Amino acid sequence: VAGVPGIGKTTMVQKIVYDWAMGKIYQQFQFVFSFKFRDLNSINCRK
């Protein structure tokens, strides 16, 4: 999903995760794991 700065990408992800946790969408998924690339930048070792 692409979008220009400020268009709502991160807030959209937050809403998707919230709606899944509330049982409203994507019930075919048992688990949803959400990460931000900016947080992954701090990892400088093998994982």
All heavy atoms as atom14 arrays in JSON, in Angstrom:
{
  "sequence": "VAGVPGIGKTTMVQKIVYDWAMGKIYQQFQFVFSFKFRDLNSINCRK",
  "atom14_mask": [
    [1, 1, 1, 1, 1, 1, 1, 0, 0, 0, 0, 0, 0, 0],
    [1, 1, 1, 1, 1, 0, 0, 0, 0, 0, 0, 0, 0, 0],
    [1, 1, 1, 1, 0, 0, 0, 0, 0, 0, 0, 0, 0, 0],
    [1, 1, 1, 1, 1, 1, 1, 0, 0, 0, 0, 0, 0, 0],
    [1, 1, 1, 1, 1, 1, 1, 0, 0, 0, 0, 0, 0, 0],
    [1, 1, 1, 1, 0, 0, 0, 0, 0, 0, 0, 0, 0, 0],
    [1, 1, 1, 1, 1, 1, 1, 1, 0, 0, 0, 0, 0, 0],
    [1, 1, 1, 1, 0, 0, 0, 0, 0, 0, 0, 0, 0, 0],
    [1, 1, 1, 1, 1, 1, 1, 1, 1, 0, 0, 0, 0, 0],
    [1, 1, 1, 1, 1, 1, 1, 0, 0, 0, 0, 0, 0, 0],
    [1, 1, 1, 1, 1, 1, 1, 0, 0, 0, 0, 0, 0, 0],
    [1, 1, 1, 1, 1, 1, 1, 1, 0, 0, 0, 0, 0, 0],
    [1, 1, 1, 1, 1, 1, 1, 0, 0, 0, 0, 0, 0, 0],
    [1, 1, 1, 1, 1, 1, 1, 1, 1, 0, 0, 0, 0, 0],
    [1, 1, 1, 1, 1, 1, 1, 1, 1, 0, 0, 0, 0, 0],
    [1, 1, 1, 1, 1, 1, 1, 1, 0, 0, 0, 0, 0, 0],
    [1, 1, 1, 1, 1, 1, 1, 0, 0, 0, 0, 0, 0, 0],
    [1, 1, 1, 1, 1, 1, 1, 1, 1, 1, 1, 1, 0, 0],
    [1, 1, 1, 1, 1, 1, 1, 1, 0, 0, 0, 0, 0, 0],
    [1, 1, 1, 1, 1, 1, 1, 1, 1, 1, 1, 1, 1, 1],
    [1, 1, 1, 1, 1, 0, 0, 0, 0, 0, 0, 0, 0, 0],
    [1, 1, 1, 1, 1, 1, 1, 1, 0, 0, 0, 0, 0, 0],
    [1, 1, 1, 1, 0, 0, 0, 0, 0, 0, 0, 0, 0, 0],
    [1, 1, 1, 1, 1, 1, 1, 1, 1, 0, 0, 0, 0, 0],
    [1, 1, 1, 1, 1, 1, 1, 1, 0, 0, 0, 0, 0, 0],
    [1, 1, 1, 1, 1, 1, 1, 1, 1, 1, 1, 1, 0, 0],
    [1, 1, 1, 1, 1, 1, 1, 1, 1, 0, 0, 0, 0, 0],
    [1, 1, 1, 1, 1, 1, 1, 1, 1, 0, 0, 0, 0, 0],
    [1, 1, 1, 1, 1, 1, 1, 1, 1, 1, 1, 0, 0, 0],
    [1, 1, 1, 1, 1, 1, 1, 1, 1, 0, 0, 0, 0, 0],
    [1, 1, 1, 1, 1, 1, 1, 1, 1, 1, 1, 0, 0, 0],
    [1, 1, 1, 1, 1, 1, 1, 0, 0, 0, 0, 0, 0, 0],
    [1, 1, 1, 1, 1, 1, 1, 1, 1, 1, 1, 0, 0, 0],
    [1, 1, 1, 1, 1, 1, 0, 0, 0, 0, 0, 0, 0, 0],
    [1, 1, 1, 1, 1, 1, 1, 1, 1, 1, 1, 0, 0, 0],
    [1, 1, 1, 1, 1, 1, 1, 1, 1, 0, 0, 0, 0, 0],
    [1, 1, 1, 1, 1, 1, 1, 1, 1, 1, 1, 0, 0, 0],
    [1, 1, 1, 1, 1, 1, 1, 1, 1, 1, 1, 0, 0, 0],
    [1, 1, 1, 1, 1, 1, 1, 1, 0, 0, 0, 0, 0, 0],
    [1, 1, 1, 1, 1, 1, 1, 1, 0, 0, 0, 0, 0, 0],
    [1, 1, 1, 1, 1, 1, 1, 1, 0, 0, 0, 0, 0, 0],
    [1, 1, 1, 1, 1, 1, 0, 0, 0, 0, 0, 0, 0, 0],
    [1, 1, 1, 1, 1, 1, 1, 1, 0, 0, 0, 0, 0, 0],
    [1, 1, 1, 1, 1, 1, 1, 1, 0, 0, 0, 0, 0, 0],
    [1, 1, 1, 1, 1, 1, 0, 0, 0, 0, 0, 0, 0, 0],
    [1, 1, 1, 1, 1, 1, 1, 1, 1, 1, 1, 0, 0, 0],
    [1, 1, 1, 1, 1, 1, 1, 1, 1, 0, 0, 0, 0, 0]
  ],
  "atom14_positions": [
    [[0.86, -1.19, 0.0], [0.0, 0.0, 0.0], [0.89, 1.24, 0.0], [1.69, 1.44, 0.92], [-0.93, 0.02, 1.23], [-1.78, 1.29, 1.23], [-1.84, -1.21, 1.24], [0.0, 0.0, 0.0], [0.0, 0.0, 0.0], [0.0, 0.0, 0.0], [0.0, 0.0, 0.0], [0.0, 0.0, 0.0], [0.0, 0.0, 0.0], [0.0, 0.0, 0.0]],
    [[0.76, 2.05, -1.05], [1.59, 3.25, -1.18], [0.76, 4.49, -0.88], [-0.46, 4.49, -1.01], [2.16, 3.33, -2.59], [0.0, 0.0, 0.0], [0.0, 0.0, 0.0], [0.0, 0.0, 0.0], [0.0, 0.0, 0.0], [0.0, 0.0, 0.0], [0.0, 0.0, 0.0], [0.0, 0.0, 0.0], [0.0, 0.0, 0.0], [0.0, 0.0, 0.0]],
    [[1.44, 5.55, -0.51], [0.76, 6.81, -0.25], [1.74, 7.91, 0.04], [2.8, 7.67, 0.63], [0.0, 0.0, 0.0], [0.0, 0.0, 0.0], [0.0, 0.0, 0.0], [0.0, 0.0, 0.0], [0.0, 0.0, 0.0], [0.0, 0.0, 0.0], [0.0, 0.0, 0.0], [0.0, 0.0, 0.0], [0.0, 0.0, 0.0], [0.0, 0.0, 0.0]],
    [[1.41, 9.12, -0.37], [2.29, 10.27, -0.17], [2.38, 10.58, 1.33], [1.56, 10.1, 2.11], [1.79, 11.51, -0.95], [1.82, 11.24, -2.44], [0.38, 11.91, -0.49], [0.0, 0.0, 0.0], [0.0, 0.0, 0.0], [0.0, 0.0, 0.0], [0.0, 0.0, 0.0], [0.0, 0.0, 0.0], [0.0, 0.0, 0.0], [0.0, 0.0, 0.0]],
    [[3.36, 11.39, 1.75], [3.48, 11.73, 3.18], [2.2, 12.32, 3.74], [1.56, 13.17, 3.11], [4.62, 12.76, 3.19], [5.43, 12.44, 1.98], [4.47, 11.96, 0.95], [0.0, 0.0, 0.0], [0.0, 0.0, 0.0], [0.0, 0.0, 0.0], [0.0, 0.0, 0.0], [0.0, 0.0, 0.0], [0.0, 0.0, 0.0], [0.0, 0.0, 0.0]],
    [[1.83, 11.88, 4.94], [0.67, 12.44, 5.63], [-0.67, 11.92, 5.18], [-1.71, 12.36, 5.68], [0.0, 0.0, 0.0], [0.0, 0.0, 0.0], [0.0, 0.0, 0.0], [0.0, 0.0, 0.0], [0.0, 0.0, 0.0], [0.0, 0.0, 0.0], [0.0, 0.0, 0.0], [0.0, 0.0, 0.0], [0.0, 0.0, 0.0], [0.0, 0.0, 0.0]],
    [[-0.69, 10.97, 4.26], [-1.95, 10.51, 3.68], [-2.69, 9.52, 4.59], [-3.85, 9.2, 4.36], [-1.71, 9.88, 2.28], [-2.97, 9.96, 1.41], [-1.21, 8.45, 2.4], [-3.34, 11.33, 0.96], [0.0, 0.0, 0.0], [0.0, 0.0, 0.0], [0.0, 0.0, 0.0], [0.0, 0.0, 0.0], [0.0, 0.0, 0.0], [0.0, 0.0, 0.0]],
    [[-2.01, 9.02, 5.63], [-2.7, 8.17, 6.6], [-2.3, 6.71, 6.6], [-3.05, 5.86, 7.09], [0.0, 0.0, 0.0], [0.0, 0.0, 0.0], [0.0, 0.0, 0.0], [0.0, 0.0, 0.0], [0.0, 0.0, 0.0], [0.0, 0.0, 0.0], [0.0, 0.0, 0.0], [0.0, 0.0, 0.0], [0.0, 0.0, 0.0], [0.0, 0.0, 0.0]],
    [[-1.1, 6.39, 6.1], [-0.67, 4.99, 6.03], [-0.55, 4.36, 7.41], [-1.07, 3.27, 7.66], [0.68, 4.89, 5.29], [0.64, 5.37, 3.84], [1.97, 5.21, 3.15], [3.06, 6.11, 3.72], [2.81, 7.55, 3.52], [0.0, 0.0, 0.0], [0.0, 0.0, 0.0], [0.0, 0.0, 0.0], [0.0, 0.0, 0.0], [0.0, 0.0, 0.0]],
    [[0.14, 5.05, 8.31], [0.36, 4.5, 9.65], [-0.94, 4.4, 10.44], [-1.18, 3.41, 11.14], [1.4, 5.36, 10.41], [2.64, 5.31, 9.7], [1.6, 4.84, 11.83], [0.0, 0.0, 0.0], [0.0, 0.0, 0.0], [0.0, 0.0, 0.0], [0.0, 0.0, 0.0], [0.0, 0.0, 0.0], [0.0, 0.0, 0.0], [0.0, 0.0, 0.0]],
    [[-1.79, 5.41, 10.32], [-3.08, 5.37, 11.02], [-3.96, 4.27, 10.45], [-4.7, 3.6, 11.17], [-3.79, 6.74, 10.92], [-2.9, 7.76, 11.33], [-5.02, 6.76, 11.82], [0.0, 0.0, 0.0], [0.0, 0.0, 0.0], [0.0, 0.0, 0.0], [0.0, 0.0, 0.0], [0.0, 0.0, 0.0], [0.0, 0.0, 0.0], [0.0, 0.0, 0.0]],
    [[-3.88, 4.05, 9.13], [-4.62, 2.96, 8.51], [-4.17, 1.61, 9.07], [-4.99, 0.74, 9.37], [-4.43, 2.98, 6.99], [-5.19, 1.88, 6.26], [-4.55, 1.58, 4.59], [-3.01, 0.72, 4.98], [0.0, 0.0, 0.0], [0.0, 0.0, 0.0], [0.0, 0.0, 0.0], [0.0, 0.0, 0.0], [0.0, 0.0, 0.0], [0.0, 0.0, 0.0]],
    [[-2.85, 1.43, 9.22], [-2.32, 0.18, 9.8], [-2.83, 0.02, 11.22], [-3.24, -1.08, 11.63], [-0.77, 0.19, 9.77], [-0.2, -0.88, 10.69], [-0.27, -0.02, 8.35], [0.0, 0.0, 0.0], [0.0, 0.0, 0.0], [0.0, 0.0, 0.0], [0.0, 0.0, 0.0], [0.0, 0.0, 0.0], [0.0, 0.0, 0.0], [0.0, 0.0, 0.0]],
    [[-2.82, 1.1, 11.99], [-3.33, 1.04, 13.36], [-4.78, 0.6, 13.39], [-5.19, -0.22, 14.22], [-3.19, 2.42, 14.03], [-3.65, 2.44, 15.49], [-3.45, 3.8, 16.14], [-2.67, 4.62, 15.68], [-4.16, 4.05, 17.24], [0.0, 0.0, 0.0], [0.0, 0.0, 0.0], [0.0, 0.0, 0.0], [0.0, 0.0, 0.0], [0.0, 0.0, 0.0]],
    [[-5.59, 1.12, 12.45], [-7.01, 0.76, 12.39], [-7.18, -0.71, 11.99], [-8.06, -1.41, 12.52], [-7.73, 1.66, 11.39], [-9.25, 1.48, 11.34], [-9.91, 1.94, 12.63], [-11.39, 2.21, 12.48], [-12.19, 1.17, 11.88], [0.0, 0.0, 0.0], [0.0, 0.0, 0.0], [0.0, 0.0, 0.0], [0.0, 0.0, 0.0], [0.0, 0.0, 0.0]],
    [[-6.36, -1.2, 11.07], [-6.43, -2.61, 10.66], [-6.14, -3.52, 11.85], [-6.87, -4.48, 12.12], [-5.44, -2.89, 9.51], [-5.94, -2.27, 8.21], [-5.23, -4.4, 9.32], [-4.95, -2.37, 7.05], [0.0, 0.0, 0.0], [0.0, 0.0, 0.0], [0.0, 0.0, 0.0], [0.0, 0.0, 0.0], [0.0, 0.0, 0.0], [0.0, 0.0, 0.0]],
    [[-5.07, -3.21, 12.59], [-4.7, -4.03, 13.75], [-5.79, -3.98, 14.81], [-6.17, -5.0, 15.39], [-3.34, -3.55, 14.33], [-3.02, -4.29, 15.63], [-2.23, -3.78, 13.31], [0.0, 0.0, 0.0], [0.0, 0.0, 0.0], [0.0, 0.0, 0.0], [0.0, 0.0, 0.0], [0.0, 0.0, 0.0], [0.0, 0.0, 0.0], [0.0, 0.0, 0.0]],
    [[-6.31, -2.78, 15.05], [-7.38, -2.63, 16.06], [-8.62, -3.42, 15.66], [-9.2, -4.14, 16.48], [-7.73, -1.15, 16.22], [-8.87, -0.9, 17.18], [-8.68, -0.96, 18.56], [-10.16, -0.6, 16.7], [-9.72, -0.74, 19.44], [-11.21, -0.38, 17.57], [-10.98, -0.45, 18.95], [-12.03, -0.25, 19.81], [0.0, 0.0, 0.0], [0.0, 0.0, 0.0]],
    [[-9.03, -3.3, 14.4], [-10.23, -4.01, 13.95], [-10.04, -5.52, 13.99], [-10.98, -6.26, 14.3], [-10.6, -3.57, 12.53], [-11.27, -2.2, 12.49], [-11.67, -1.71, 13.58], [-11.4, -1.62, 11.4], [0.0, 0.0, 0.0], [0.0, 0.0, 0.0], [0.0, 0.0, 0.0], [0.0, 0.0, 0.0], [0.0, 0.0, 0.0], [0.0, 0.0, 0.0]],
    [[-8.82, -6.0, 13.7], [-8.57, -7.45, 13.82], [-8.68, -7.88, 15.27], [-9.3, -8.9, 15.59], [-7.18, -7.81, 13.26], [-6.88, -9.28, 13.5], [-7.32, -10.33, 12.76], [-6.14, -9.83, 14.59], [-6.89, -11.52, 13.31], [-6.16, -11.24, 14.44], [-5.45, -9.28, 15.67], [-5.52, -12.1, 15.32], [-4.81, -10.13, 16.57], [-4.86, -11.52, 16.4]],
    [[-8.07, -7.11, 16.16], [-8.11, -7.45, 17.58], [-9.54, -7.43, 18.13], [-9.86, -8.18, 19.06], [-7.24, -6.48, 18.38], [0.0, 0.0, 0.0], [0.0, 0.0, 0.0], [0.0, 0.0, 0.0], [0.0, 0.0, 0.0], [0.0, 0.0, 0.0], [0.0, 0.0, 0.0], [0.0, 0.0, 0.0], [0.0, 0.0, 0.0], [0.0, 0.0, 0.0]],
    [[-10.4, -6.61, 17.54], [-11.8, -6.55, 17.95], [-12.66, -7.61, 17.27], [-13.86, -7.72, 17.53], [-12.37, -5.16, 17.63], [-11.75, -4.04, 18.45], [-12.1, -4.18, 20.21], [-13.84, -3.79, 20.22], [0.0, 0.0, 0.0], [0.0, 0.0, 0.0], [0.0, 0.0, 0.0], [0.0, 0.0, 0.0], [0.0, 0.0, 0.0], [0.0, 0.0, 0.0]],
    [[-12.04, -8.39, 16.36], [-12.77, -9.46, 15.68], [-13.64, -8.98, 14.54], [-14.55, -9.69, 14.09], [0.0, 0.0, 0.0], [0.0, 0.0, 0.0], [0.0, 0.0, 0.0], [0.0, 0.0, 0.0], [0.0, 0.0, 0.0], [0.0, 0.0, 0.0], [0.0, 0.0, 0.0], [0.0, 0.0, 0.0], [0.0, 0.0, 0.0], [0.0, 0.0, 0.0]],
    [[-13.35, -7.76, 14.0], [-14.2, -7.19, 12.95], [-13.74, -7.58, 11.55], [-14.55, -7.67, 10.63], [-14.22, -5.66, 13.07], [-14.92, -5.15, 14.32], [-14.89, -3.63, 14.35], [-15.61, -3.09, 15.58], [-15.56, -1.6, 15.62], [0.0, 0.0, 0.0], [0.0, 0.0, 0.0], [0.0, 0.0, 0.0], [0.0, 0.0, 0.0], [0.0, 0.0, 0.0]],
    [[-12.44, -7.76, 11.35], [-11.91, -8.07, 10.01], [-10.86, -9.17, 10.09], [-10.34, -9.47, 11.16], [-11.28, -6.82, 9.34], [-10.05, -6.34, 10.12], [-12.29, -5.7, 9.19], [-9.25, -5.28, 9.39], [0.0, 0.0, 0.0], [0.0, 0.0, 0.0], [0.0, 0.0, 0.0], [0.0, 0.0, 0.0], [0.0, 0.0, 0.0], [0.0, 0.0, 0.0]],
    [[-10.58, -9.74, 8.92], [-9.51, -10.72, 8.76], [-9.55, -11.85, 9.79], [-8.55, -12.2, 10.39], [-8.14, -10.04, 8.8], [-7.89, -9.1, 7.64], [-7.19, -7.92, 7.81], [-8.37, -9.41, 6.37], [-6.95, -7.06, 6.74], [-8.14, -8.56, 5.3], [-7.43, -7.39, 5.49], [-7.21, -6.55, 4.43], [0.0, 0.0, 0.0], [0.0, 0.0, 0.0]],
    [[-10.73, -12.39, 9.98], [-10.87, -13.46, 10.96], [-10.18, -14.75, 10.51], [-10.04, -15.69, 11.29], [-12.35, -13.7, 11.25], [-13.0, -12.51, 11.94], [-14.48, -12.71, 12.22], [-14.93, -13.82, 12.41], [-15.22, -11.63, 12.23], [0.0, 0.0, 0.0], [0.0, 0.0, 0.0], [0.0, 0.0, 0.0], [0.0, 0.0, 0.0], [0.0, 0.0, 0.0]],
    [[-9.77, -14.81, 9.23], [-9.03, -15.98, 8.76], [-7.62, -16.03, 9.33], [-6.95, -17.06, 9.26], [-8.97, -16.02, 7.22], [-8.06, -14.97, 6.57], [-8.79, -13.69, 6.22], [-9.76, -13.32, 6.87], [-8.33, -13.01, 5.16], [0.0, 0.0, 0.0], [0.0, 0.0, 0.0], [0.0, 0.0, 0.0], [0.0, 0.0, 0.0], [0.0, 0.0, 0.0]],
    [[-7.16, -14.89, 9.88], [-5.81, -14.86, 10.48], [-5.9, -15.11, 11.98], [-6.62, -14.43, 12.7], [-5.14, -13.51, 10.22], [-4.9, -13.22, 8.76], [-5.41, -12.09, 8.16], [-4.17, -14.11, 7.98], [-5.19, -11.83, 6.82], [-3.95, -13.86, 6.64], [-4.45, -12.72, 6.05], [0.0, 0.0, 0.0], [0.0, 0.0, 0.0], [0.0, 0.0, 0.0]],
    [[-5.11, -16.1, 12.44], [-5.05, -16.38, 13.88], [-4.28, -15.3, 14.61], [-4.65, -14.89, 15.71], [-4.33, -17.71, 14.12], [-5.15, -18.94, 13.81], [-4.37, -20.18, 14.21], [-3.22, -20.11, 14.61], [-5.01, -21.32, 14.09], [0.0, 0.0, 0.0], [0.0, 0.0, 0.0], [0.0, 0.0, 0.0], [0.0, 0.0, 0.0], [0.0, 0.0, 0.0]],
    [[-3.18, -14.86, 14.0], [-2.31, -13.88, 14.65], [-1.87, -12.81, 13.65], [-1.57, -13.12, 12.49], [-1.06, -14.55, 15.25], [-1.37, -15.51, 16.37], [-1.46, -16.87, 16.13], [-1.6, -15.05, 17.66], [-1.75, -17.76, 17.14], [-1.9, -15.92, 18.68], [-1.98, -17.29, 18.43], [0.0, 0.0, 0.0], [0.0, 0.0, 0.0], [0.0, 0.0, 0.0]],
    [[-1.83, -11.57, 14.12], [-1.33, -10.45, 13.33], [-0.14, -9.86, 14.07], [-0.24, -9.53, 15.26], [-2.42, -9.37, 13.13], [-1.82, -8.12, 12.47], [-3.57, -9.91, 12.29], [0.0, 0.0, 0.0], [0.0, 0.0, 0.0], [0.0, 0.0, 0.0], [0.0, 0.0, 0.0], [0.0, 0.0, 0.0], [0.0, 0.0, 0.0], [0.0, 0.0, 0.0]],
    [[0.98, -9.74, 13.38], [2.2, -9.17, 13.97], [2.56, -7.91, 13.2], [2.77, -7.95, 11.98], [3.36, -10.17, 13.9], [3.09, -11.47, 14.63], [2.91, -12.64, 13.93], [3.0, -11.5, 16.01], [2.65, -13.84, 14.58], [2.74, -12.69, 16.68], [2.57, -13.87, 15.96], [0.0, 0.0, 0.0], [0.0, 0.0, 0.0], [0.0, 0.0, 0.0]],
    [[2.62, -6.79, 13.89], [2.84, -5.5, 13.24], [4.17, -4.89, 13.67], [4.49, -4.85, 14.87], [1.69, -4.55, 13.59], [1.86, -3.31, 12.95], [0.0, 0.0, 0.0], [0.0, 0.0, 0.0], [0.0, 0.0, 0.0], [0.0, 0.0, 0.0], [0.0, 0.0, 0.0], [0.0, 0.0, 0.0], [0.0, 0.0, 0.0], [0.0, 0.0, 0.0]],
    [[4.95, -4.42, 12.69], [6.25, -3.81, 12.95], [6.38, -2.5, 12.18], [5.79, -2.34, 11.12], [7.39, -4.74, 12.51], [7.39, -6.09, 13.17], [6.69, -7.15, 12.6], [8.07, -6.31, 14.35], [6.67, -8.41, 13.19], [8.06, -7.56, 14.96], [7.36, -8.61, 14.38], [0.0, 0.0, 0.0], [0.0, 0.0, 0.0], [0.0, 0.0, 0.0]],
    [[7.19, -1.59, 12.73], [7.53, -0.35, 12.02], [8.98, -0.46, 11.54], [9.86, -0.85, 12.3], [7.39, 0.87, 12.94], [5.97, 1.16, 13.39], [5.95, 2.43, 14.22], [4.58, 2.68, 14.85], [3.5, 2.78, 13.89], [0.0, 0.0, 0.0], [0.0, 0.0, 0.0], [0.0, 0.0, 0.0], [0.0, 0.0, 0.0], [0.0, 0.0, 0.0]],
    [[9.2, -0.11, 10.27], [10.55, -0.18, 9.73], [11.52, 0.7, 10.51], [12.69, 0.36, 10.68], [10.56, 0.22, 8.25], [10.21, -0.91, 7.32], [8.95, -0.99, 6.73], [11.14, -1.9, 7.03], [8.63, -2.03, 5.87], [10.82, -2.94, 6.17], [9.57, -3.01, 5.59], [0.0, 0.0, 0.0], [0.0, 0.0, 0.0], [0.0, 0.0, 0.0]],
    [[11.04, 1.84, 11.0], [11.95, 2.74, 11.72], [12.46, 2.09, 13.02], [13.58, 2.35, 13.45], [11.27, 4.07, 12.01], [10.19, 4.06, 13.05], [9.83, 5.49, 13.46], [9.09, 6.16, 12.42], [7.87, 6.65, 12.58], [7.25, 6.54, 13.74], [7.25, 7.25, 11.6], [0.0, 0.0, 0.0], [0.0, 0.0, 0.0], [0.0, 0.0, 0.0]],
    [[11.62, 1.2, 13.63], [12.07, 0.48, 14.83], [13.07, -0.62, 14.46], [13.98, -0.94, 15.24], [10.87, -0.14, 15.56], [9.92, 0.92, 16.11], [10.39, 2.05, 16.35], [8.73, 0.61, 16.27], [0.0, 0.0, 0.0], [0.0, 0.0, 0.0], [0.0, 0.0, 0.0], [0.0, 0.0, 0.0], [0.0, 0.0, 0.0], [0.0, 0.0, 0.0]],
    [[12.89, -1.21, 13.28], [13.8, -2.28, 12.85], [15.18, -1.74, 12.5], [16.15, -2.49, 12.44], [13.21, -3.01, 11.64], [11.85, -3.71, 11.86], [11.36, -4.33, 10.56], [11.96, -4.79, 12.94], [0.0, 0.0, 0.0], [0.0, 0.0, 0.0], [0.0, 0.0, 0.0], [0.0, 0.0, 0.0], [0.0, 0.0, 0.0], [0.0, 0.0, 0.0]],
    [[15.29, -0.42, 12.26], [16.58, 0.19, 11.92], [17.6, 0.03, 13.04], [18.81, -0.01, 12.79], [16.41, 1.68, 11.62], [15.77, 1.93, 10.27], [15.87, 1.11, 9.37], [15.09, 3.06, 10.14], [0.0, 0.0, 0.0], [0.0, 0.0, 0.0], [0.0, 0.0, 0.0], [0.0, 0.0, 0.0], [0.0, 0.0, 0.0], [0.0, 0.0, 0.0]],
    [[17.12, -0.05, 14.27], [18.04, -0.12, 15.42], [18.66, -1.5, 15.6], [19.55, -1.68, 16.43], [17.3, 0.28, 16.7], [16.22, -0.61, 16.94], [0.0, 0.0, 0.0], [0.0, 0.0, 0.0], [0.0, 0.0, 0.0], [0.0, 0.0, 0.0], [0.0, 0.0, 0.0], [0.0, 0.0, 0.0], [0.0, 0.0, 0.0], [0.0, 0.0, 0.0]],
    [[18.2, -2.48, 14.84], [18.73, -3.85, 14.98], [19.93, -4.0, 14.05], [19.8, -3.96, 12.82], [17.65, -4.9, 14.63], [16.43, -4.73, 15.54], [18.22, -6.31, 14.74], [15.26, -5.61, 15.17], [0.0, 0.0, 0.0], [0.0, 0.0, 0.0], [0.0, 0.0, 0.0], [0.0, 0.0, 0.0], [0.0, 0.0, 0.0], [0.0, 0.0, 0.0]],
    [[21.1, -4.16, 14.62], [22.33, -4.25, 13.82], [23.01, -5.6, 13.96], [24.21, -5.74, 13.69], [23.3, -3.14, 14.22], [22.77, -1.77, 13.88], [22.36, -1.53, 12.75], [22.76, -0.87, 14.86], [0.0, 0.0, 0.0], [0.0, 0.0, 0.0], [0.0, 0.0, 0.0], [0.0, 0.0, 0.0], [0.0, 0.0, 0.0], [0.0, 0.0, 0.0]],
    [[22.27, -6.59, 14.4], [22.84, -7.94, 14.54], [21.89, -8.95, 13.91], [20.76, -8.62, 13.56], [23.07, -8.27, 16.02], [21.55, -8.19, 17.01], [0.0, 0.0, 0.0], [0.0, 0.0, 0.0], [0.0, 0.0, 0.0], [0.0, 0.0, 0.0], [0.0, 0.0, 0.0], [0.0, 0.0, 0.0], [0.0, 0.0, 0.0], [0.0, 0.0, 0.0]],
    [[22.36, -10.17, 13.77], [21.53, -11.21, 13.19], [20.45, -11.63, 14.18], [20.69, -11.73, 15.38], [22.38, -12.42, 12.78], [23.35, -12.06, 11.65], [24.32, -13.19, 11.38], [23.72, -14.27, 10.61], [23.6, -14.27, 9.3], [24.03, -13.22, 8.6], [23.07, -15.28, 8.66], [0.0, 0.0, 0.0], [0.0, 0.0, 0.0], [0.0, 0.0, 0.0]],
    [[19.26, -11.88, 13.65], [18.11, -12.27, 14.48], [17.4, -13.42, 13.79], [17.63, -13.69, 12.6], [17.13, -11.11, 14.62], [17.63, -9.95, 15.46], [16.93, -9.94, 16.79], [17.33, -8.72, 17.63], [16.7, -8.76, 18.96], [0.0, 0.0, 0.0], [0.0, 0.0, 0.0], [0.0, 0.0, 0.0], [0.0, 0.0, 0.0], [0.0, 0.0, 0.0]]
  ]
}
